[in-house]
Structures are given as C-alpha cells and as structure tokens.
Amino acid sequence: MTEDAIRVTAGRPTSSGDDRHGGGARRRLPVPSELIVLAATVIAVLIAAAAADNFDAPIAWAFVTLLAFAYIISRGLVKRGSGSDDGF
C-alpha cells in the first residue's frame, strides 16, 4: 500500500466492515466537550470560594487561571496533533 493510500484511509473504517469507532455517524457538538467541563469546573470553584470561609477569592481566581491555562494548552495540543493545515 502506498503512503498516499495509507494517509487517505487512516482512521476510517475499511471496506471489510472493520469499524473502530463504534459504528454510525458521529455527531459533533457545537462547543468542545472540554469547554463544557471547564465552565462547570470554574463555576464549581467560584461557588466553593463564595461558600467556604477558608477559601479566599485570590486562591479561587488562581485556580480559575490555572484551569484556563490548562484548557488553552490542551486545545493547542489537540489542534497540533490533528494534522490539520490551519496554521500550525
């Protein structure tokens, strides 16, 4: 099999019916699921900071900043590893 044929068929089901992704078409969310998890976690951290006496606002915002930083890095790694030619 040539390199071009491998590149074209990589990650797609083969003609023999070998479906590695669980079958059927996959729906794409309009928002990445990681963003939903990030938003829920940020809300949880801010609620915890408001409710707890020993969890100050500066610490909460530091956690929110770290979460946002981790999200940005993870999205960058996903885009870089996806092989798309969108500027990376």
N, C-alpha and C. Protein backbone atom coordinates (compact mmCIF):
# COMPACT_ATOMS: atom_id res chain seq x y z
N MET A 1 0.85 -1.16 0.00
CA MET A 1 0.00 0.00 0.00
C MET A 1 0.90 1.23 0.00
N THR A 2 0.60 2.20 -0.82
CA THR A 2 1.44 3.39 -0.91
C THR A 2 1.18 4.31 0.27
N GLU A 3 2.10 5.25 0.47
CA GLU A 3 1.97 6.19 1.57
C GLU A 3 0.72 7.05 1.41
N ASP A 4 0.38 7.45 0.18
CA ASP A 4 -0.82 8.25 -0.06
C ASP A 4 -2.08 7.47 0.28
N ALA A 5 -2.11 6.19 -0.05
CA ALA A 5 -3.28 5.36 0.26
C ALA A 5 -3.44 5.19 1.76
N ILE A 6 -2.32 5.04 2.47
CA ILE A 6 -2.38 4.92 3.91
C ILE A 6 -2.89 6.22 4.52
N ARG A 7 -2.43 7.35 4.03
CA ARG A 7 -2.85 8.64 4.55
C ARG A 7 -4.34 8.87 4.31
N VAL A 8 -4.86 8.43 3.17
CA VAL A 8 -6.27 8.62 2.84
C VAL A 8 -7.16 7.74 3.71
N THR A 9 -6.74 6.50 3.97
CA THR A 9 -7.60 5.57 4.69
C THR A 9 -7.36 5.53 6.19
N ALA A 10 -6.37 6.26 6.69
CA ALA A 10 -6.07 6.21 8.12
C ALA A 10 -7.24 6.75 8.93
N GLY A 11 -7.69 5.97 9.92
CA GLY A 11 -8.75 6.39 10.81
C GLY A 11 -10.15 6.17 10.27
N ARG A 12 -10.29 5.65 9.07
CA ARG A 12 -11.60 5.38 8.50
C ARG A 12 -11.85 3.88 8.49
N PRO A 13 -13.12 3.49 8.58
CA PRO A 13 -13.41 2.05 8.51
C PRO A 13 -12.97 1.47 7.18
N THR A 14 -12.46 0.26 7.20
CA THR A 14 -12.03 -0.39 5.97
C THR A 14 -13.23 -0.99 5.26
N SER A 15 -13.02 -1.40 4.05
CA SER A 15 -14.12 -1.96 3.27
C SER A 15 -14.58 -3.31 3.80
N SER A 16 -13.79 -3.94 4.68
CA SER A 16 -14.18 -5.24 5.22
C SER A 16 -15.16 -5.11 6.38
N GLY A 17 -15.58 -3.89 6.70
CA GLY A 17 -16.55 -3.68 7.76
C GLY A 17 -15.92 -3.47 9.12
N ASP A 18 -14.61 -3.30 9.18
CA ASP A 18 -13.91 -3.07 10.44
C ASP A 18 -14.14 -1.63 10.87
N ASP A 19 -15.06 -1.43 11.81
CA ASP A 19 -15.38 -0.09 12.27
C ASP A 19 -14.79 0.10 13.67
N ARG A 20 -13.75 0.90 13.77
CA ARG A 20 -13.05 1.08 15.03
C ARG A 20 -13.71 2.11 15.94
N HIS A 21 -14.67 2.85 15.45
CA HIS A 21 -15.23 3.95 16.22
C HIS A 21 -16.63 3.67 16.74
N GLY A 22 -17.09 2.46 16.76
CA GLY A 22 -18.36 2.15 17.35
C GLY A 22 -19.54 2.19 16.40
N GLY A 23 -19.33 2.46 15.16
CA GLY A 23 -20.40 2.42 14.17
C GLY A 23 -21.21 3.69 14.08
N GLY A 24 -21.74 3.92 12.91
CA GLY A 24 -22.61 5.06 12.70
C GLY A 24 -21.86 6.38 12.62
N ALA A 25 -22.59 7.38 12.18
CA ALA A 25 -22.01 8.72 12.08
C ALA A 25 -21.94 9.34 13.47
N ARG A 26 -20.88 10.06 13.71
CA ARG A 26 -20.70 10.72 15.00
C ARG A 26 -21.17 12.16 14.89
N ARG A 27 -21.93 12.60 15.87
CA ARG A 27 -22.37 13.99 15.89
C ARG A 27 -21.29 14.83 16.54
N ARG A 28 -21.09 16.01 15.99
CA ARG A 28 -20.14 16.93 16.59
C ARG A 28 -20.90 17.98 17.37
N LEU A 29 -20.44 18.24 18.59
CA LEU A 29 -21.05 19.28 19.40
C LEU A 29 -20.64 20.64 18.86
N PRO A 30 -21.49 21.64 18.97
CA PRO A 30 -21.10 22.97 18.53
C PRO A 30 -20.01 23.57 19.43
N VAL A 31 -19.90 23.06 20.65
CA VAL A 31 -18.89 23.50 21.61
C VAL A 31 -18.10 22.27 22.03
N PRO A 32 -16.77 22.37 22.08
CA PRO A 32 -16.00 21.21 22.53
C PRO A 32 -16.41 20.78 23.94
N SER A 33 -16.46 19.49 24.17
CA SER A 33 -16.88 18.98 25.48
C SER A 33 -15.93 19.43 26.58
N GLU A 34 -14.67 19.66 26.23
CA GLU A 34 -13.71 20.15 27.23
C GLU A 34 -14.11 21.54 27.72
N LEU A 35 -14.70 22.35 26.85
CA LEU A 35 -15.12 23.69 27.25
C LEU A 35 -16.28 23.61 28.23
N ILE A 36 -17.16 22.66 28.03
CA ILE A 36 -18.29 22.47 28.95
C ILE A 36 -17.76 22.05 30.32
N VAL A 37 -16.80 21.15 30.34
CA VAL A 37 -16.20 20.70 31.61
C VAL A 37 -15.46 21.86 32.27
N LEU A 38 -14.75 22.66 31.49
CA LEU A 38 -14.05 23.82 32.04
C LEU A 38 -15.04 24.79 32.68
N ALA A 39 -16.12 25.11 31.98
CA ALA A 39 -17.10 26.04 32.52
C ALA A 39 -17.72 25.52 33.81
N ALA A 40 -18.05 24.23 33.84
CA ALA A 40 -18.63 23.64 35.05
C ALA A 40 -17.64 23.67 36.21
N THR A 41 -16.38 23.41 35.92
CA THR A 41 -15.36 23.41 36.97
C THR A 41 -15.11 24.82 37.50
N VAL A 42 -15.07 25.80 36.60
CA VAL A 42 -14.89 27.19 37.02
C VAL A 42 -16.05 27.62 37.91
N ILE A 43 -17.26 27.28 37.51
CA ILE A 43 -18.43 27.63 38.32
C ILE A 43 -18.34 26.96 39.69
N ALA A 44 -17.92 25.70 39.71
CA ALA A 44 -17.79 24.99 40.99
C ALA A 44 -16.74 25.64 41.89
N VAL A 45 -15.61 26.05 41.31
CA VAL A 45 -14.56 26.70 42.11
C VAL A 45 -15.06 28.02 42.67
N LEU A 46 -15.75 28.80 41.85
CA LEU A 46 -16.23 30.10 42.32
C LEU A 46 -17.33 29.96 43.37
N ILE A 47 -18.18 28.97 43.23
CA ILE A 47 -19.22 28.72 44.25
C ILE A 47 -18.56 28.27 45.55
N ALA A 48 -17.55 27.40 45.44
CA ALA A 48 -16.84 26.94 46.63
C ALA A 48 -16.15 28.12 47.33
N ALA A 49 -15.59 29.04 46.56
CA ALA A 49 -14.93 30.20 47.15
C ALA A 49 -15.93 31.10 47.85
N ALA A 50 -17.12 31.21 47.31
CA ALA A 50 -18.14 32.06 47.93
C ALA A 50 -18.71 31.41 49.19
N ALA A 51 -18.79 30.09 49.20
CA ALA A 51 -19.43 29.39 50.32
C ALA A 51 -18.48 29.07 51.47
N ALA A 52 -17.23 28.83 51.17
CA ALA A 52 -16.28 28.40 52.21
C ALA A 52 -15.61 29.61 52.85
N ASP A 53 -15.37 29.50 54.15
CA ASP A 53 -14.71 30.59 54.87
C ASP A 53 -13.19 30.59 54.67
N ASN A 54 -12.61 29.42 54.45
CA ASN A 54 -11.16 29.32 54.35
C ASN A 54 -10.67 29.23 52.90
N PHE A 55 -11.50 29.60 51.92
CA PHE A 55 -11.14 29.54 50.50
C PHE A 55 -11.32 30.94 49.93
N ASP A 56 -10.24 31.71 49.97
CA ASP A 56 -10.29 33.13 49.61
C ASP A 56 -10.42 33.34 48.10
N ALA A 57 -10.85 34.53 47.73
CA ALA A 57 -11.04 34.88 46.32
C ALA A 57 -9.73 34.82 45.52
N PRO A 58 -8.60 35.31 46.04
CA PRO A 58 -7.36 35.21 45.25
C PRO A 58 -6.97 33.77 44.92
N ILE A 59 -7.19 32.87 45.86
CA ILE A 59 -6.88 31.47 45.60
C ILE A 59 -7.83 30.91 44.54
N ALA A 60 -9.10 31.26 44.65
CA ALA A 60 -10.09 30.79 43.67
C ALA A 60 -9.74 31.29 42.27
N TRP A 61 -9.39 32.56 42.15
CA TRP A 61 -9.05 33.10 40.82
C TRP A 61 -7.74 32.50 40.31
N ALA A 62 -6.84 32.13 41.21
CA ALA A 62 -5.62 31.45 40.77
C ALA A 62 -5.98 30.08 40.19
N PHE A 63 -6.91 29.36 40.85
CA PHE A 63 -7.36 28.08 40.31
C PHE A 63 -8.05 28.25 38.96
N VAL A 64 -8.87 29.28 38.83
CA VAL A 64 -9.55 29.54 37.55
C VAL A 64 -8.54 29.84 36.46
N THR A 65 -7.51 30.62 36.80
CA THR A 65 -6.46 30.92 35.83
C THR A 65 -5.72 29.66 35.41
N LEU A 66 -5.40 28.80 36.36
CA LEU A 66 -4.73 27.54 36.03
C LEU A 66 -5.60 26.64 35.16
N LEU A 67 -6.89 26.60 35.46
CA LEU A 67 -7.81 25.81 34.64
C LEU A 67 -7.87 26.34 33.21
N ALA A 68 -7.95 27.66 33.07
CA ALA A 68 -8.00 28.26 31.73
C ALA A 68 -6.69 27.99 30.99
N PHE A 69 -5.57 28.11 31.67
CA PHE A 69 -4.27 27.84 31.06
C PHE A 69 -4.19 26.39 30.59
N ALA A 70 -4.63 25.46 31.42
CA ALA A 70 -4.60 24.05 31.05
C ALA A 70 -5.51 23.78 29.85
N TYR A 71 -6.66 24.44 29.81
CA TYR A 71 -7.59 24.27 28.68
C TYR A 71 -6.96 24.78 27.39
N ILE A 72 -6.35 25.95 27.45
CA ILE A 72 -5.72 26.53 26.25
C ILE A 72 -4.59 25.63 25.75
N ILE A 73 -3.77 25.13 26.66
CA ILE A 73 -2.68 24.24 26.27
C ILE A 73 -3.24 22.94 25.67
N SER A 74 -4.27 22.37 26.28
CA SER A 74 -4.82 21.11 25.76
C SER A 74 -5.43 21.30 24.38
N ARG A 75 -6.12 22.41 24.15
CA ARG A 75 -6.70 22.66 22.83
C ARG A 75 -5.59 22.87 21.79
N GLY A 76 -4.52 23.53 22.19
CA GLY A 76 -3.40 23.71 21.27
C GLY A 76 -2.76 22.39 20.89
N LEU A 77 -2.61 21.51 21.88
CA LEU A 77 -2.04 20.19 21.59
C LEU A 77 -2.95 19.37 20.69
N VAL A 78 -4.25 19.47 20.90
CA VAL A 78 -5.19 18.73 20.06
C VAL A 78 -5.11 19.23 18.63
N LYS A 79 -5.08 20.56 18.46
CA LYS A 79 -5.00 21.11 17.10
C LYS A 79 -3.69 20.76 16.44
N ARG A 80 -2.63 20.79 17.19
CA ARG A 80 -1.32 20.46 16.63
C ARG A 80 -1.23 18.99 16.24
N GLY A 81 -1.84 18.11 17.04
CA GLY A 81 -1.78 16.69 16.78
C GLY A 81 -2.80 16.20 15.76
N SER A 82 -3.75 17.05 15.37
CA SER A 82 -4.80 16.61 14.46
C SER A 82 -4.33 16.52 13.01
N GLY A 83 -3.23 17.17 12.68
CA GLY A 83 -2.71 17.11 11.34
C GLY A 83 -3.40 18.06 10.37
N SER A 84 -4.24 18.95 10.89
CA SER A 84 -4.90 19.91 10.01
C SER A 84 -3.92 21.02 9.63
N ASP A 85 -4.11 21.54 8.45
CA ASP A 85 -3.23 22.60 7.94
C ASP A 85 -3.88 23.96 8.15
N ASP A 86 -4.14 24.32 9.40
CA ASP A 86 -4.79 25.60 9.68
C ASP A 86 -3.84 26.56 10.38
N GLY A 87 -2.57 26.53 10.00
CA GLY A 87 -1.63 27.48 10.54
C GLY A 87 -0.68 26.91 11.59
N PHE A 88 -0.88 25.68 12.02
CA PHE A 88 0.03 25.08 12.99
C PHE A 88 1.12 24.35 12.26
